[in-house]
Amino acid sequence: MVERTDAVKITRKVTFAEKTMPLGIREKKIVVASKVAIFTNAFLSFLKIGVGLMAGSLAVVADGIDSASDVLTSLITLFTAHIIARPPDLKYPYGYNKADTLATKILAFIIFFAGAQLAISTFGKLVHPVPRAIPKTIAVYIVIVSIIGKQLLALYLKKAGKSEQSSMLLANAKNMQSDVLISVSVLIGLVATFIFKMPVLDVLTAFVVSGWIMFTALKIFMESGRDLMDGVDNPEIYKRIIASCTKVEGVSHPHRIRVRKMAHLYIIALDIELSGKLTLLEAHAKSHDVEKKIREEIGNIYDIVIHIEPQGDVGENEVFGISESNL
């Protein structure tokens, strides 16, 4: 007679120390990237606002305000990096990785608000113009410095975002890249102002800049919504899952496949068909083989849930999930 021992799980409160556990490698890299963005944007913002006011260029001041909002977005990514490092608990059994996506959504709102405020301000100056002096030439040099600094920062954040598969870092990289275009447009506006001796071109440039800021924010907002709606950016993953299943002998008709993302990780659920003659242990072993193969082929997987059905079973009302026929 085999003695059976049942393990009893003890439910307890998660301590503050456990909630604030040391950052993992991924989170540490996100923190470093966020700090680099904070200090770079703070420096450029201070420089552009100060010189813009001194040189009398509204467009340069507007560019500086945009950089100031970038400091806030980078602070959010820094704070979020500490949140996603928390382990799963009773409240969030899947962990805190989706805070990455939520932070991306918040970044989109902040970027859009900064653009809207700038649009309102510059539109008023266009409708009710007041005499303005030609900006000083030092404004041109500051904008050139800004273009170089922002481009380097955008490339750095993009590389870090791709490496760590962080949507909020990639969103911040897109924001920095749009800032480069903003600064380029400011530079063009300044040069045109000097050539044509028309200070209103400086204000007009600032208004165009505000439109671009809002467009970038909307684009980030829509892209982050896909993850919150449990969608995926590349449907090819379904083909890869089906191909992985068919590589396991005896497994057929993978269907009702559901893939959703939690930050950089995939959560996969699917049904497979096996011979009804297999024992429970044999069917269980096959499901493990399928899970192992999917993890090998795809990677970045948080969890896989596999439901086993006998071959030829016709399910009714299977209104969700992806099958090979959908592809």
Protein backbone atom coordinates (compact mmCIF):
# COMPACT_ATOMS: atom_id res chain seq x y z
CA MET A 1 0.00 0.00 0.00
CA VAL A 2 1.43 3.36 -1.05
CA GLU A 3 1.21 6.06 1.56
CA ARG A 4 -0.05 9.37 0.20
CA THR A 5 0.85 12.68 1.73
CA ASP A 6 -1.20 15.76 0.90
CA ALA A 7 0.64 19.07 0.94
CA VAL A 8 -1.26 21.92 2.52
CA LYS A 9 -0.63 25.44 1.24
CA ILE A 10 -0.67 28.13 3.88
CA THR A 11 -2.17 31.42 2.77
CA ARG A 12 -0.48 34.48 4.23
CA LYS A 13 -0.05 38.16 3.54
CA VAL A 14 2.74 39.19 1.21
CA THR A 15 5.18 41.32 3.17
CA PHE A 16 6.37 44.73 2.06
CA ALA A 17 9.89 43.33 1.68
CA GLU A 18 8.62 40.72 -0.78
CA LYS A 19 6.70 43.35 -2.74
CA THR A 20 9.86 45.41 -3.08
CA MET A 21 12.15 42.51 -3.96
CA PRO A 22 15.44 43.33 -5.75
CA LEU A 23 15.12 44.23 -9.41
CA GLY A 24 15.84 41.56 -12.00
CA ILE A 25 18.27 42.06 -14.89
CA ARG A 26 15.49 43.25 -17.24
CA GLU A 27 14.11 45.72 -14.72
CA LYS A 28 17.59 47.06 -13.92
CA LYS A 29 18.20 47.80 -17.61
CA ILE A 30 14.85 49.60 -17.84
CA VAL A 31 15.77 51.67 -14.76
CA VAL A 32 19.15 52.63 -16.27
CA ALA A 33 17.51 53.59 -19.58
CA SER A 34 14.89 55.67 -17.75
CA LYS A 35 17.53 57.52 -15.72
CA VAL A 36 19.53 58.32 -18.87
CA ALA A 37 16.36 59.70 -20.46
CA ILE A 38 15.50 61.76 -17.37
CA PHE A 39 18.88 63.48 -17.11
CA THR A 40 19.24 64.04 -20.86
CA ASN A 41 15.77 65.54 -21.23
CA ALA A 42 16.14 67.66 -18.08
CA PHE A 43 19.37 69.15 -19.42
CA LEU A 44 17.96 69.83 -22.91
CA SER A 45 14.73 71.24 -21.49
CA PHE A 46 16.55 73.69 -19.21
CA LEU A 47 18.83 74.70 -22.07
CA LYS A 48 16.07 75.23 -24.67
CA ILE A 49 13.62 77.06 -22.41
CA GLY A 50 16.34 79.35 -21.05
CA VAL A 51 17.91 80.14 -24.40
CA GLY A 52 14.50 80.32 -26.12
CA LEU A 53 13.33 83.01 -23.68
CA MET A 54 16.62 84.89 -23.99
CA ALA A 55 16.62 84.65 -27.80
CA GLY A 56 12.93 85.48 -28.13
CA SER A 57 11.98 82.26 -29.95
CA LEU A 58 8.58 80.81 -29.05
CA ALA A 59 9.28 77.70 -31.12
CA VAL A 60 12.45 76.92 -29.15
CA VAL A 61 10.60 77.48 -25.86
CA ALA A 62 7.85 75.12 -27.09
CA ASP A 63 10.51 72.54 -27.95
CA GLY A 64 11.90 72.96 -24.43
CA ILE A 65 8.47 72.45 -22.87
CA ASP A 66 8.11 69.25 -24.88
CA SER A 67 11.44 68.05 -23.45
CA ALA A 68 10.18 68.94 -19.95
CA SER A 69 7.18 66.65 -20.48
CA ASP A 70 9.64 63.95 -21.55
CA VAL A 71 11.20 64.14 -18.08
CA LEU A 72 7.82 63.21 -16.63
CA THR A 73 7.35 60.31 -19.05
CA SER A 74 10.79 58.97 -18.15
CA LEU A 75 9.98 59.24 -14.43
CA ILE A 76 6.89 57.11 -15.08
CA THR A 77 8.99 54.43 -16.81
CA LEU A 78 11.40 54.51 -13.87
CA PHE A 79 8.58 54.03 -11.35
CA THR A 80 6.98 51.30 -13.48
CA ALA A 81 10.23 49.33 -13.62
CA HIS A 82 9.95 48.84 -9.85
CA ILE A 83 6.30 47.77 -10.12
CA ILE A 84 6.87 45.08 -12.76
CA ALA A 85 9.61 43.56 -10.58
CA ARG A 86 7.01 42.51 -7.98
CA PRO A 87 6.27 38.77 -7.79
CA PRO A 88 2.77 37.36 -8.42
CA ASP A 89 0.42 37.44 -5.43
CA LEU A 90 -3.21 36.71 -4.52
CA LYS A 91 -4.36 40.00 -6.02
CA TYR A 92 -2.41 39.67 -9.27
CA PRO A 93 -1.67 35.95 -9.84
CA TYR A 94 -0.17 36.71 -13.27
CA GLY A 95 2.24 39.23 -11.77
CA TYR A 96 2.70 42.93 -12.50
CA ASN A 97 4.17 42.89 -16.00
CA LYS A 98 1.14 44.55 -17.58
CA ALA A 99 2.06 47.70 -15.68
CA ASP A 100 4.43 48.18 -18.62
CA THR A 101 1.44 48.48 -20.99
CA LEU A 102 -0.53 50.68 -18.59
CA ALA A 103 2.45 53.01 -18.29
CA THR A 104 2.60 53.23 -22.08
CA LYS A 105 -1.05 54.33 -22.06
CA ILE A 106 -0.31 57.01 -19.46
CA LEU A 107 2.67 58.24 -21.50
CA ALA A 108 0.37 58.68 -24.50
CA PHE A 109 -2.02 60.85 -22.45
CA ILE A 110 0.80 63.04 -21.13
CA ILE A 111 2.35 63.51 -24.58
CA PHE A 112 -1.05 64.38 -26.08
CA PHE A 113 -1.79 66.88 -23.28
CA ALA A 114 1.55 68.64 -23.83
CA GLY A 115 0.82 68.90 -27.55
CA ALA A 116 -2.73 70.16 -26.96
CA GLN A 117 -1.55 72.85 -24.54
CA LEU A 118 1.04 74.00 -27.05
CA ALA A 119 -1.55 74.04 -29.86
CA ILE A 120 -3.97 76.17 -27.85
CA SER A 121 -1.22 78.63 -26.92
CA THR A 122 0.21 79.05 -30.43
CA PHE A 123 -3.21 79.14 -32.12
CA GLY A 124 -4.15 82.11 -29.94
CA LYS A 125 -1.01 83.94 -31.03
CA LEU A 126 -1.80 83.20 -34.69
CA VAL A 127 -5.41 84.43 -34.39
CA HIS A 128 -4.45 87.50 -32.34
CA PRO A 129 -0.92 88.31 -33.50
CA VAL A 130 1.24 90.81 -31.65
CA PRO A 131 4.43 92.48 -32.92
CA ARG A 132 7.40 90.18 -32.35
CA ALA A 133 11.13 90.68 -32.82
CA ILE A 134 13.31 88.39 -34.93
CA PRO A 135 14.79 85.67 -32.63
CA LYS A 136 18.53 85.77 -31.91
CA THR A 137 20.82 83.42 -33.82
CA ILE A 138 21.89 81.55 -30.66
CA ALA A 139 18.51 79.79 -30.84
CA VAL A 140 19.70 78.00 -34.00
CA TYR A 141 22.76 76.53 -32.26
CA ILE A 142 20.71 75.28 -29.31
CA VAL A 143 18.27 73.55 -31.63
CA ILE A 144 21.16 71.81 -33.41
CA VAL A 145 22.46 70.58 -30.04
CA SER A 146 18.95 69.35 -29.24
CA ILE A 147 18.67 67.44 -32.53
CA ILE A 148 21.95 65.60 -31.91
CA GLY A 149 21.12 64.85 -28.26
CA LYS A 150 17.58 63.63 -28.96
CA GLN A 151 18.66 61.44 -31.86
CA LEU A 152 21.29 59.69 -29.74
CA LEU A 153 18.75 59.25 -26.91
CA ALA A 154 16.12 57.87 -29.31
CA LEU A 155 18.56 55.28 -30.68
CA TYR A 156 19.60 54.28 -27.16
CA LEU A 157 16.01 53.86 -25.92
CA LYS A 158 15.00 51.96 -29.06
CA LYS A 159 17.89 49.55 -28.61
CA ALA A 160 17.08 49.07 -24.91
CA GLY A 161 13.35 48.67 -25.66
CA LYS A 162 13.94 45.99 -28.28
CA SER A 163 16.51 44.21 -26.14
CA GLU A 164 14.18 44.05 -23.12
CA GLN A 165 10.96 43.93 -25.21
CA SER A 166 9.52 46.83 -23.23
CA SER A 167 6.60 48.62 -24.89
CA MET A 168 6.99 51.67 -22.66
CA LEU A 169 10.68 52.10 -23.57
CA LEU A 170 9.82 51.70 -27.24
CA ALA A 171 7.03 54.26 -26.80
CA ASN A 172 9.50 56.63 -25.18
CA ALA A 173 11.94 56.01 -28.05
CA LYS A 174 9.21 56.95 -30.56
CA ASN A 175 8.55 60.05 -28.51
CA MET A 176 12.24 60.98 -28.64
CA GLN A 177 12.33 60.33 -32.40
CA SER A 178 9.34 62.59 -32.92
CA ASP A 179 11.19 65.20 -30.83
CA VAL A 180 14.02 65.06 -33.36
CA LEU A 181 11.54 65.88 -36.13
CA ILE A 182 10.09 68.60 -33.95
CA SER A 183 13.51 70.16 -33.43
CA VAL A 184 14.25 69.90 -37.16
CA SER A 185 10.99 71.71 -37.94
CA VAL A 186 11.88 74.36 -35.34
CA LEU A 187 15.27 74.78 -37.01
CA ILE A 188 13.64 75.17 -40.44
CA GLY A 189 11.20 77.68 -38.98
CA LEU A 190 14.01 79.71 -37.46
CA VAL A 191 16.02 79.75 -40.67
CA ALA A 192 12.91 80.80 -42.62
CA THR A 193 12.28 83.53 -40.04
CA PHE A 194 15.79 84.92 -40.55
CA ILE A 195 15.55 84.71 -44.35
CA PHE A 196 12.09 86.22 -44.79
CA LYS A 197 12.20 88.48 -41.71
CA MET A 198 8.78 87.18 -40.63
CA PRO A 199 8.59 86.35 -36.87
CA VAL A 200 5.13 84.81 -37.40
CA LEU A 201 6.85 81.82 -39.05
CA ASP A 202 8.35 80.99 -35.65
CA VAL A 203 4.84 80.84 -34.12
CA LEU A 204 3.50 78.88 -37.08
CA THR A 205 6.29 76.34 -36.67
CA ALA A 206 5.38 75.91 -33.00
CA PHE A 207 1.75 75.25 -34.01
CA VAL A 208 2.80 72.57 -36.53
CA VAL A 209 5.02 71.02 -33.86
CA SER A 210 2.02 70.72 -31.53
CA GLY A 211 0.08 68.80 -34.18
CA TRP A 212 2.90 66.32 -34.61
CA ILE A 213 3.13 65.78 -30.84
CA MET A 214 -0.59 64.94 -30.65
CA PHE A 215 -0.36 62.61 -33.66
CA THR A 216 2.51 60.69 -32.03
CA ALA A 217 0.52 60.40 -28.79
CA LEU A 218 -2.53 58.99 -30.59
CA LYS A 219 -0.38 56.44 -32.40
CA ILE A 220 1.17 55.22 -29.13
CA PHE A 221 -2.28 55.14 -27.50
CA MET A 222 -3.72 52.90 -30.24
CA GLU A 223 -0.75 50.52 -30.25
CA SER A 224 -0.82 50.04 -26.46
CA GLY A 225 -4.57 49.37 -26.63
CA ARG A 226 -3.88 46.17 -28.57
CA ASP A 227 -2.12 44.58 -25.59
CA LEU A 228 -4.83 45.70 -23.17
CA MET A 229 -7.44 44.14 -25.49
CA ASP A 230 -5.44 40.87 -25.41
CA GLY A 231 -4.42 41.15 -29.05
CA VAL A 232 -1.07 40.38 -30.67
CA ASP A 233 0.95 42.52 -33.04
CA ASN A 234 2.02 39.62 -35.28
CA PRO A 235 -0.56 36.94 -36.26
CA GLU A 236 2.32 34.77 -37.52
CA ILE A 237 2.66 33.45 -33.96
CA TYR A 238 -0.45 31.32 -34.52
CA LYS A 239 1.19 29.60 -37.49
CA ARG A 240 4.28 28.92 -35.38
CA ILE A 241 2.18 27.40 -32.59
CA ILE A 242 0.35 25.11 -35.04
CA ALA A 243 3.66 24.08 -36.63
CA SER A 244 5.10 23.30 -33.18
CA CYS A 245 2.11 21.09 -32.30
CA THR A 246 2.32 19.09 -35.52
CA LYS A 247 5.97 18.25 -34.78
CA VAL A 248 4.85 16.17 -31.79
CA GLU A 249 3.86 12.65 -32.87
CA GLY A 250 0.23 11.75 -32.28
CA VAL A 251 -0.96 15.35 -31.84
CA SER A 252 -3.52 16.64 -34.31
CA HIS A 253 -5.90 19.53 -34.97
CA PRO A 254 -4.57 22.28 -32.69
CA HIS A 255 -7.46 24.74 -32.42
CA ARG A 256 -9.11 27.37 -30.23
CA ILE A 257 -5.68 28.95 -29.89
CA ARG A 258 -5.67 32.13 -27.81
CA VAL A 259 -2.56 34.25 -27.46
CA ARG A 260 -2.28 37.38 -25.38
CA LYS A 261 0.67 39.42 -24.22
CA MET A 262 1.70 40.45 -20.76
CA ALA A 263 4.37 43.07 -21.42
CA HIS A 264 7.06 41.09 -23.32
CA LEU A 265 5.69 37.65 -22.42
CA TYR A 266 3.09 35.47 -24.17
CA ILE A 267 0.25 33.62 -22.45
CA ILE A 268 -1.04 30.81 -24.69
CA ALA A 269 -4.11 28.59 -24.41
CA LEU A 270 -5.08 25.96 -26.98
CA ASP A 271 -6.92 22.68 -27.58
CA ILE A 272 -5.30 19.61 -29.14
CA GLU A 273 -6.65 16.21 -30.18
CA LEU A 274 -5.11 12.89 -29.14
CA SER A 275 -6.07 9.27 -29.62
CA GLY A 276 -8.81 8.19 -27.21
CA LYS A 277 -6.87 4.96 -26.60
CA LEU A 278 -4.11 6.74 -24.70
CA THR A 279 -4.04 6.48 -20.92
CA LEU A 280 -4.31 9.63 -18.84
CA LEU A 281 -0.59 9.51 -18.08
CA GLU A 282 0.28 9.10 -21.77
CA ALA A 283 -1.99 12.00 -22.80
CA HIS A 284 -0.53 14.12 -20.02
CA ALA A 285 3.00 13.36 -21.27
CA LYS A 286 1.99 14.38 -24.80
CA SER A 287 0.68 17.71 -23.56
CA HIS A 288 4.03 18.31 -21.85
CA ASP A 289 5.81 17.51 -25.13
CA VAL A 290 3.62 20.06 -26.93
CA GLU A 291 4.33 22.71 -24.28
CA LYS A 292 8.07 22.05 -24.46
CA LYS A 293 8.08 22.28 -28.25
CA ILE A 294 6.15 25.59 -28.25
CA ARG A 295 8.53 27.07 -25.69
CA GLU A 296 11.51 26.00 -27.81
CA GLU A 297 10.05 27.40 -31.03
CA ILE A 298 8.65 30.70 -29.75
CA GLY A 299 10.29 31.74 -26.48
CA ASN A 300 9.27 34.60 -24.18
CA ILE A 301 6.38 32.56 -22.79
CA TYR A 302 4.89 33.11 -19.36
CA ASP A 303 2.36 30.27 -19.38
CA ILE A 304 0.77 27.66 -21.67
CA VAL A 305 -2.59 26.01 -20.95
CA ILE A 306 -3.44 22.93 -23.06
CA HIS A 307 -6.86 21.28 -23.20
CA ILE A 308 -6.89 17.69 -24.51
CA GLU A 309 -9.76 16.31 -26.61
CA PRO A 310 -10.26 12.88 -28.23
CA GLN A 311 -9.63 12.78 -31.97
CA GLY A 312 -12.68 13.60 -34.05
CA ASP A 313 -14.45 15.41 -31.24
CA VAL A 314 -16.67 18.15 -32.66
CA GLY A 315 -17.03 20.99 -30.21
CA GLU A 316 -20.13 23.12 -30.24
CA ASN A 317 -20.29 26.89 -29.89
CA GLU A 318 -16.52 27.32 -30.18
CA VAL A 319 -16.86 30.98 -30.98
CA PHE A 320 -13.42 32.11 -29.87
CA GLY A 321 -9.82 31.20 -30.58
CA ILE A 322 -7.85 30.66 -33.80
CA SER A 323 -7.61 27.48 -35.87
CA GLU A 324 -5.65 26.65 -38.99
CA SER A 325 -8.75 27.36 -41.10
CA ASN A 326 -8.69 30.99 -39.89
CA LEU A 327 -5.20 31.48 -41.28
